[in-house]
Amino acid sequence: MPPKIILMVVAPKDFRDEEFFETKQVLESHGIKATTASKNVEWAGSKFGKEVTKLAYIGEFWNTTLRAKARGFKPQQCLCKSRY
């Protein structure tokens, strides 16, 4: 069975801590790999001062998904083959 991978998209600044950090922790505790993406690949800052680093660029996933859909793939197949 292939590993379960999801893409979490966060705002570059002022995202809610509990919406991102708690959700990611629960997903990872169930064996799901969570890749985080945003418009800014350097960092994203939460409303209460926490930072997320090493982000994937959301545009890369968008472009990859559009190309895959044009070839008849489902988006989830495309993201699983990503380098992230």
PDB file of N, CA and C in Angstrom:
ATOM      1  N   MET A   1       0.846  -1.177   0.000  1.00  0.00           N
ATOM      2  CA  MET A   1       0.000   0.000   0.000  1.00  0.00           C
ATOM      3  C   MET A   1       0.892   1.241   0.000  1.00  0.00           C
ATOM      4  N   PRO A   2       0.650   2.188  -0.911  1.00  0.00           N
ATOM      5  CA  PRO A   2       1.499   3.380  -0.968  1.00  0.00           C
ATOM      6  C   PRO A   2       1.305   4.241   0.276  1.00  0.00           C
ATOM      7  N   PRO A   3       2.327   5.002   0.640  1.00  0.00           N
ATOM      8  CA  PRO A   3       2.192   5.863   1.821  1.00  0.00           C
ATOM      9  C   PRO A   3       1.130   6.930   1.588  1.00  0.00           C
ATOM     10  N   LYS A   4       0.478   7.311   2.651  1.00  0.00           N
ATOM     11  CA  LYS A   4      -0.529   8.370   2.557  1.00  0.00           C
ATOM     12  C   LYS A   4       0.180   9.714   2.697  1.00  0.00           C
ATOM     13  N   ILE A   5      -0.030  10.561   1.717  1.00  0.00           N
ATOM     14  CA  ILE A   5       0.612  11.870   1.692  1.00  0.00           C
ATOM     15  C   ILE A   5      -0.458  12.918   1.411  1.00  0.00           C
ATOM     16  N   ILE A   6      -0.428  14.003   2.171  1.00  0.00           N
ATOM     17  CA  ILE A   6      -1.348  15.104   1.898  1.00  0.00           C
ATOM     18  C   ILE A   6      -0.550  16.387   1.736  1.00  0.00           C
ATOM     19  N   LEU A   7      -1.183  17.369   1.152  1.00  0.00           N
ATOM     20  CA  LEU A   7      -0.594  18.687   0.998  1.00  0.00           C
ATOM     21  C   LEU A   7      -1.384  19.655   1.860  1.00  0.00           C
ATOM     22  N   MET A   8      -0.710  20.281   2.820  1.00  0.00           N
ATOM     23  CA  MET A   8      -1.339  21.301   3.650  1.00  0.00           C
ATOM     24  C   MET A   8      -0.886  22.659   3.127  1.00  0.00           C
ATOM     25  N   VAL A   9      -1.832  23.520   2.832  1.00  0.00           N
ATOM     26  CA  VAL A   9      -1.528  24.849   2.313  1.00  0.00           C
ATOM     27  C   VAL A   9      -1.782  25.863   3.421  1.00  0.00           C
ATOM     28  N   VAL A  10      -0.777  26.709   3.692  1.00  0.00           N
ATOM     29  CA  VAL A  10      -0.912  27.733   4.727  1.00  0.00           C
ATOM     30  C   VAL A  10      -0.721  29.115   4.115  1.00  0.00           C
ATOM     31  N   ALA A  11      -1.339  30.094   4.740  1.00  0.00           N
ATOM     32  CA  ALA A  11      -1.145  31.488   4.345  1.00  0.00           C
ATOM     33  C   ALA A  11       0.278  31.897   4.717  1.00  0.00           C
ATOM     34  N   PRO A  12       0.876  32.829   3.985  1.00  0.00           N
ATOM     35  CA  PRO A  12       2.241  33.253   4.302  1.00  0.00           C
ATOM     36  C   PRO A  12       2.372  33.901   5.678  1.00  0.00           C
ATOM     37  N   LYS A  13       1.284  34.486   6.187  1.00  0.00           N
ATOM     38  CA  LYS A  13       1.345  35.077   7.527  1.00  0.00           C
ATOM     39  C   LYS A  13      -0.032  35.050   8.175  1.00  0.00           C
ATOM     40  N   ASP A  14      -0.015  35.068   9.494  1.00  0.00           N
ATOM     41  CA  ASP A  14      -1.222  35.149  10.321  1.00  0.00           C
ATOM     42  C   ASP A  14      -2.190  33.973  10.181  1.00  0.00           C
ATOM     43  N   PHE A  15      -1.666  32.772   9.893  1.00  0.00           N
ATOM     44  CA  PHE A  15      -2.557  31.608   9.913  1.00  0.00           C
ATOM     45  C   PHE A  15      -2.785  31.202  11.366  1.00  0.00           C
ATOM     46  N   ARG A  16      -3.856  30.498  11.629  1.00  0.00           N
ATOM     47  CA  ARG A  16      -4.203  30.105  12.999  1.00  0.00           C
ATOM     48  C   ARG A  16      -3.371  28.899  13.435  1.00  0.00           C
ATOM     49  N   ASP A  17      -2.722  29.037  14.587  1.00  0.00           N
ATOM     50  CA  ASP A  17      -1.874  27.965  15.115  1.00  0.00           C
ATOM     51  C   ASP A  17      -2.621  26.640  15.221  1.00  0.00           C
ATOM     52  N   GLU A  18      -3.803  26.679  15.844  1.00  0.00           N
ATOM     53  CA  GLU A  18      -4.525  25.434  16.100  1.00  0.00           C
ATOM     54  C   GLU A  18      -5.003  24.772  14.809  1.00  0.00           C
ATOM     55  N   GLU A  19      -5.293  25.551  13.799  1.00  0.00           N
ATOM     56  CA  GLU A  19      -5.746  24.962  12.539  1.00  0.00           C
ATOM     57  C   GLU A  19      -4.622  24.227  11.816  1.00  0.00           C
ATOM     58  N   PHE A  20      -3.403  24.721  11.944  1.00  0.00           N
ATOM     59  CA  PHE A  20      -2.290  24.073  11.252  1.00  0.00           C
ATOM     60  C   PHE A  20      -1.565  23.065  12.133  1.00  0.00           C
ATOM     61  N   PHE A  21      -1.016  23.504  13.259  1.00  0.00           N
ATOM     62  CA  PHE A  21      -0.141  22.645  14.061  1.00  0.00           C
ATOM     63  C   PHE A  21      -0.873  21.445  14.662  1.00  0.00           C
ATOM     64  N   GLU A  22      -2.075  21.664  15.181  1.00  0.00           N
ATOM     65  CA  GLU A  22      -2.817  20.546  15.773  1.00  0.00           C
ATOM     66  C   GLU A  22      -3.258  19.549  14.701  1.00  0.00           C
ATOM     67  N   THR A  23      -3.720  20.063  13.582  1.00  0.00           N
ATOM     68  CA  THR A  23      -4.141  19.183  12.488  1.00  0.00           C
ATOM     69  C   THR A  23      -2.976  18.356  11.972  1.00  0.00           C
ATOM     70  N   LYS A  24      -1.835  19.009  11.764  1.00  0.00           N
ATOM     71  CA  LYS A  24      -0.655  18.299  11.264  1.00  0.00           C
ATOM     72  C   LYS A  24      -0.213  17.217  12.250  1.00  0.00           C
ATOM     73  N   GLN A  25      -0.247  17.522  13.533  1.00  0.00           N
ATOM     74  CA  GLN A  25       0.157  16.551  14.551  1.00  0.00           C
ATOM     75  C   GLN A  25      -0.759  15.320  14.528  1.00  0.00           C
ATOM     76  N   VAL A  26      -2.053  15.531  14.414  1.00  0.00           N
ATOM     77  CA  VAL A  26      -3.003  14.414  14.379  1.00  0.00           C
ATOM     78  C   VAL A  26      -2.776  13.563  13.131  1.00  0.00           C
ATOM     79  N   LEU A  27      -2.620  14.208  11.986  1.00  0.00           N
ATOM     80  CA  LEU A  27      -2.396  13.464  10.743  1.00  0.00           C
ATOM     81  C   LEU A  27      -1.129  12.620  10.827  1.00  0.00           C
ATOM     82  N   GLU A  28      -0.038  13.225  11.294  1.00  0.00           N
ATOM     83  CA  GLU A  28       1.228  12.497  11.376  1.00  0.00           C
ATOM     84  C   GLU A  28       1.176  11.379  12.410  1.00  0.00           C
ATOM     85  N   SER A  29       0.383  11.544  13.464  1.00  0.00           N
ATOM     86  CA  SER A  29       0.250  10.473  14.456  1.00  0.00           C
ATOM     87  C   SER A  29      -0.488   9.260  13.880  1.00  0.00           C
ATOM     88  N   HIS A  30      -1.207   9.458  12.777  1.00  0.00           N
ATOM     89  CA  HIS A  30      -1.901   8.368  12.088  1.00  0.00           C
ATOM     90  C   HIS A  30      -1.132   7.880  10.867  1.00  0.00           C
ATOM     91  N   GLY A  31       0.133   8.254  10.774  1.00  0.00           N
ATOM     92  CA  GLY A  31       0.984   7.750   9.702  1.00  0.00           C
ATOM     93  C   GLY A  31       0.842   8.452   8.364  1.00  0.00           C
ATOM     94  N   ILE A  32       0.252   9.633   8.371  1.00  0.00           N
ATOM     95  CA  ILE A  32       0.071  10.391   7.132  1.00  0.00           C
ATOM     96  C   ILE A  32       1.159  11.454   7.048  1.00  0.00           C
ATOM     97  N   LYS A  33       1.902  11.452   5.939  1.00  0.00           N
ATOM     98  CA  LYS A  33       2.954  12.449   5.745  1.00  0.00           C
ATOM     99  C   LYS A  33       2.308  13.737   5.255  1.00  0.00           C
ATOM    100  N   ALA A  34       2.559  14.828   5.958  1.00  0.00           N
ATOM    101  CA  ALA A  34       1.985  16.121   5.596  1.00  0.00           C
ATOM    102  C   ALA A  34       3.074  17.031   5.045  1.00  0.00           C
ATOM    103  N   THR A  35       2.955  17.378   3.770  1.00  0.00           N
ATOM    104  CA  THR A  35       3.843  18.347   3.149  1.00  0.00           C
ATOM    105  C   THR A  35       3.160  19.701   3.234  1.00  0.00           C
ATOM    106  N   THR A  36       3.899  20.729   3.620  1.00  0.00           N
ATOM    107  CA  THR A  36       3.331  22.060   3.773  1.00  0.00           C
ATOM    108  C   THR A  36       3.778  22.956   2.635  1.00  0.00           C
ATOM    109  N   ALA A  37       2.826  23.670   2.050  1.00  0.00           N
ATOM    110  CA  ALA A  37       3.127  24.566   0.933  1.00  0.00           C
ATOM    111  C   ALA A  37       2.509  25.939   1.184  1.00  0.00           C
ATOM    112  N   SER A  38       3.121  26.940   0.559  1.00  0.00           N
ATOM    113  CA  SER A  38       2.623  28.308   0.653  1.00  0.00           C
ATOM    114  C   SER A  38       3.145  29.108  -0.529  1.00  0.00           C
ATOM    115  N   LYS A  39       2.759  30.372  -0.612  1.00  0.00           N
ATOM    116  CA  LYS A  39       3.279  31.250  -1.662  1.00  0.00           C
ATOM    117  C   LYS A  39       4.735  31.607  -1.400  1.00  0.00           C
ATOM    118  N   ASN A  40       5.115  31.647  -0.133  1.00  0.00           N
ATOM    119  CA  ASN A  40       6.477  31.987   0.264  1.00  0.00           C
ATOM    120  C   ASN A  40       7.180  30.705   0.697  1.00  0.00           C
ATOM    121  N   VAL A  41       8.306  30.365   0.085  1.00  0.00           N
ATOM    122  CA  VAL A  41       8.973  29.105   0.428  1.00  0.00           C
ATOM    123  C   VAL A  41       9.966  29.239   1.576  1.00  0.00           C
ATOM    124  N   GLU A  42      10.279  30.450   1.988  1.00  0.00           N
ATOM    125  CA  GLU A  42      11.233  30.643   3.084  1.00  0.00           C
ATOM    126  C   GLU A  42      10.607  30.313   4.439  1.00  0.00           C
ATOM    127  N   TRP A  43       9.460  30.910   4.714  1.00  0.00           N
ATOM    128  CA  TRP A  43       8.797  30.683   5.995  1.00  0.00           C
ATOM    129  C   TRP A  43       7.357  31.178   5.920  1.00  0.00           C
ATOM    130  N   ALA A  44       6.551  30.727   6.864  1.00  0.00           N
ATOM    131  CA  ALA A  44       5.193  31.234   7.056  1.00  0.00           C
ATOM    132  C   ALA A  44       5.031  31.470   8.550  1.00  0.00           C
ATOM    133  N   GLY A  45       4.381  32.553   8.915  1.00  0.00           N
ATOM    134  CA  GLY A  45       4.231  32.908  10.322  1.00  0.00           C
ATOM    135  C   GLY A  45       2.788  32.828  10.784  1.00  0.00           C
ATOM    136  N   SER A  46       2.598  32.253  11.970  1.00  0.00           N
ATOM    137  CA  SER A  46       1.250  32.120  12.512  1.00  0.00           C
ATOM    138  C   SER A  46       0.827  33.401  13.226  1.00  0.00           C
ATOM    139  N   LYS A  47      -0.438  33.474  13.553  1.00  0.00           N
ATOM    140  CA  LYS A  47      -1.002  34.634  14.243  1.00  0.00           C
ATOM    141  C   LYS A  47      -0.352  34.848  15.607  1.00  0.00           C
ATOM    142  N   PHE A  48       0.099  33.759  16.235  1.00  0.00           N
ATOM    143  CA  PHE A  48       0.668  33.860  17.576  1.00  0.00           C
ATOM    144  C   PHE A  48       2.182  33.698  17.602  1.00  0.00           C
ATOM    145  N   GLY A  49       2.834  33.897  16.464  1.00  0.00           N
ATOM    146  CA  GLY A  49       4.290  33.979  16.436  1.00  0.00           C
ATOM    147  C   GLY A  49       5.070  32.721  16.099  1.00  0.00           C
ATOM    148  N   LYS A  50       4.423  31.598  15.889  1.00  0.00           N
ATOM    149  CA  LYS A  50       5.156  30.389  15.488  1.00  0.00           C
ATOM    150  C   LYS A  50       5.494  30.481  14.007  1.00  0.00           C
ATOM    151  N   GLU A  51       6.571  29.811  13.611  1.00  0.00           N
ATOM    152  CA  GLU A  51       6.979  29.827  12.211  1.00  0.00           C
ATOM    153  C   GLU A  51       7.075  28.415  11.652  1.00  0.00           C
ATOM    154  N   VAL A  52       6.803  28.308  10.380  1.00  0.00           N
ATOM    155  CA  VAL A  52       6.980  27.062   9.643  1.00  0.00           C
ATOM    156  C   VAL A  52       8.027  27.353   8.581  1.00  0.00           C
ATOM    157  N   THR A  53       9.043  26.493   8.480  1.00  0.00           N
ATOM    158  CA  THR A  53      10.090  26.680   7.477  1.00  0.00           C
ATOM    159  C   THR A  53      10.130  25.486   6.534  1.00  0.00           C
ATOM    160  N   LYS A  54      10.972  25.571   5.532  1.00  0.00           N
ATOM    161  CA  LYS A  54      11.122  24.505   4.526  1.00  0.00           C
ATOM    162  C   LYS A  54       9.792  24.190   3.847  1.00  0.00           C
ATOM    163  N   LEU A  55       9.187  25.208   3.315  1.00  0.00           N
ATOM    164  CA  LEU A  55       7.902  25.057   2.647  1.00  0.00           C
ATOM    165  C   LEU A  55       8.078  24.733   1.174  1.00  0.00           C
ATOM    166  N   ALA A  56       7.141  24.009   0.646  1.00  0.00           N
ATOM    167  CA  ALA A  56       7.090  23.773  -0.797  1.00  0.00           C
ATOM    168  C   ALA A  56       6.355  24.956  -1.426  1.00  0.00           C
ATOM    169  N   TYR A  57       6.659  25.241  -2.682  1.00  0.00           N
ATOM    170  CA  TYR A  57       5.988  26.332  -3.390  1.00  0.00           C
ATOM    171  C   TYR A  57       4.665  25.832  -3.952  1.00  0.00           C
ATOM    172  N   ILE A  58       3.578  26.473  -3.555  1.00  0.00           N
ATOM    173  CA  ILE A  58       2.249  26.015  -3.962  1.00  0.00           C
ATOM    174  C   ILE A  58       2.084  26.022  -5.480  1.00  0.00           C
ATOM    175  N   GLY A  59       2.744  26.944  -6.162  1.00  0.00           N
ATOM    176  CA  GLY A  59       2.649  27.014  -7.617  1.00  0.00           C
ATOM    177  C   GLY A  59       3.157  25.756  -8.297  1.00  0.00           C
ATOM    178  N   GLU A  60       4.151  25.122  -7.713  1.00  0.00           N
ATOM    179  CA  GLU A  60       4.683  23.884  -8.297  1.00  0.00           C
ATOM    180  C   GLU A  60       3.637  22.770  -8.267  1.00  0.00           C
ATOM    181  N   PHE A  61       2.916  22.662  -7.169  1.00  0.00           N
ATOM    182  CA  PHE A  61       1.874  21.639  -7.071  1.00  0.00           C
ATOM    183  C   PHE A  61       0.721  21.961  -8.012  1.00  0.00           C
ATOM    184  N   TRP A  62       0.370  23.226  -8.106  1.00  0.00           N
ATOM    185  CA  TRP A  62      -0.717  23.642  -8.989  1.00  0.00           C
ATOM    186  C   TRP A  62      -0.388  23.296 -10.436  1.00  0.00           C
ATOM    187  N   ASN A  63       0.802  23.676 -10.885  1.00  0.00           N
ATOM    188  CA  ASN A  63       1.203  23.396 -12.263  1.00  0.00           C
ATOM    189  C   ASN A  63       1.286  21.899 -12.534  1.00  0.00           C
ATOM    190  N   THR A  64       1.837  21.145 -11.591  1.00  0.00           N
ATOM    191  CA  THR A  64       1.956  19.698 -11.750  1.00  0.00           C
ATOM    192  C   THR A  64       0.576  19.053 -11.834  1.00  0.00           C
ATOM    193  N   THR A  65      -0.345  19.512 -11.001  1.00  0.00           N
ATOM    194  CA  THR A  65      -1.697  18.964 -10.995  1.00  0.00           C
ATOM    195  C   THR A  65      -2.419  19.266 -12.304  1.00  0.00           C
ATOM    196  N   LEU A  66      -2.282  20.485 -12.811  1.00  0.00           N
ATOM    197  CA  LEU A  66      -2.931  20.830 -14.080  1.00  0.00           C
ATOM    198  C   LEU A  66      -2.393  19.990 -15.232  1.00  0.00           C
ATOM    199  N   ARG A  67      -1.076  19.801 -15.273  1.00  0.00           N
ATOM    200  CA  ARG A  67      -0.486  18.975 -16.330  1.00  0.00           C
ATOM    201  C   ARG A  67      -0.985  17.536 -16.232  1.00  0.00           C
ATOM    202  N   ALA A  68      -1.062  17.020 -15.018  1.00  0.00           N
ATOM    203  CA  ALA A  68      -1.509  15.640 -14.826  1.00  0.00           C
ATOM    204  C   ALA A  68      -2.976  15.479 -15.226  1.00  0.00           C
ATOM    205  N   LYS A  69      -3.809  16.443 -14.860  1.00  0.00           N
ATOM    206  CA  LYS A  69      -5.228  16.363 -15.224  1.00  0.00           C
ATOM    207  C   LYS A  69      -5.394  16.390 -16.738  1.00  0.00           C
ATOM    208  N   ALA A  70      -4.564  17.167 -17.417  1.00  0.00           N
ATOM    209  CA  ALA A  70      -4.636  17.233 -18.875  1.00  0.00           C
ATOM    210  C   ALA A  70      -4.294  15.883 -19.504  1.00  0.00           C
ATOM    211  N   ARG A  71      -3.473  15.090 -18.809  1.00  0.00           N
ATOM    212  CA  ARG A  71      -3.102  13.767 -19.316  1.00  0.00           C
ATOM    213  C   ARG A  71      -4.027  12.671 -18.794  1.00  0.00           C
ATOM    214  N   GLY A  72      -5.035  13.028 -18.010  1.00  0.00           N
ATOM    215  CA  GLY A  72      -5.998  12.049 -17.540  1.00  0.00           C
ATOM    216  C   GLY A  72      -5.727  11.481 -16.161  1.00  0.00           C
ATOM    217  N   PHE A  73      -4.720  11.986 -15.456  1.00  0.00           N
ATOM    218  CA  PHE A  73      -4.452  11.509 -14.104  1.00  0.00           C
ATOM    219  C   PHE A  73      -5.355  12.229 -13.115  1.00  0.00           C
ATOM    220  N   LYS A  74      -5.601  11.577 -12.000  1.00  0.00           N
ATOM    221  CA  LYS A  74      -6.330  12.218 -10.916  1.00  0.00           C
ATOM    222  C   LYS A  74      -5.331  13.028 -10.098  1.00  0.00           C
ATOM    223  N   PRO A  75      -5.749  14.166  -9.505  1.00  0.00           N
ATOM    224  CA  PRO A  75      -4.809  14.997  -8.744  1.00  0.00           C
ATOM    225  C   PRO A  75      -4.055  14.245  -7.656  1.00  0.00           C
ATOM    226  N   GLN A  76      -4.716  13.320  -6.948  1.00  0.00           N
ATOM    227  CA  GLN A  76      -4.029  12.609  -5.872  1.00  0.00           C
ATOM    228  C   GLN A  76      -2.901  11.734  -6.400  1.00  0.00           C
ATOM    229  N   GLN A  77      -3.022  11.217  -7.609  1.00  0.00           N
ATOM    230  CA  GLN A  77      -1.935  10.439  -8.206  1.00  0.00           C
ATOM    231  C   GLN A  77      -0.748  11.347  -8.483  1.00  0.00           C
ATOM    232  N   CYS A  78      -1.029  12.548  -8.907  1.00  0.00           N
ATOM    233  CA  CYS A  78       0.016  13.501  -9.261  1.00  0.00           C
ATOM    234  C   CYS A  78       0.816  13.914  -8.031  1.00  0.00           C
ATOM    235  N   LEU A  79       0.141  14.274  -6.951  1.00  0.00           N
ATOM    236  CA  LEU A  79       0.834  14.753  -5.762  1.00  0.00           C
ATOM    237  C   LEU A  79       1.688  13.664  -5.130  1.00  0.00           C
ATOM    238  N   CYS A  80       1.248  12.420  -5.202  1.00  0.00           N
ATOM    239  CA  CYS A  80       2.022  11.340  -4.606  1.00  0.00           C
ATOM    240  C   CYS A  80       3.348  11.132  -5.326  1.00  0.00           C
ATOM    241  N   LYS A  81       3.433  11.518  -6.576  1.00  0.00           N
ATOM    242  CA  LYS A  81       4.664  11.343  -7.336  1.00  0.00           C
ATOM    243  C   LYS A  81       5.559  12.570  -7.253  1.00  0.00           C
ATOM    244  N   SER A  82       5.141  13.573  -6.505  1.00  0.00           N
ATOM    245  CA  SER A  82       5.928  14.793  -6.372  1.00  0.00           C
ATOM    246  C   SER A  82       7.226  14.509  -5.632  1.00  0.00           C
ATOM    247  N   ARG A  83       8.192  15.379  -5.786  1.00  0.00           N
ATOM    248  CA  ARG A  83       9.479  15.190  -5.106  1.00  0.00           C
ATOM    249  C   ARG A  83       9.404  15.493  -3.621  1.00  0.00           C
ATOM    250  N   TYR A  84       8.280  15.953  -3.135  1.00  0.00           N
ATOM    251  CA  TYR A  84       8.128  16.251  -1.720  1.00  0.00           C
ATOM    252  C   TYR A  84       7.593  15.031  -1.034  1.00  0.00           C
TER     253      TYR A  84
END
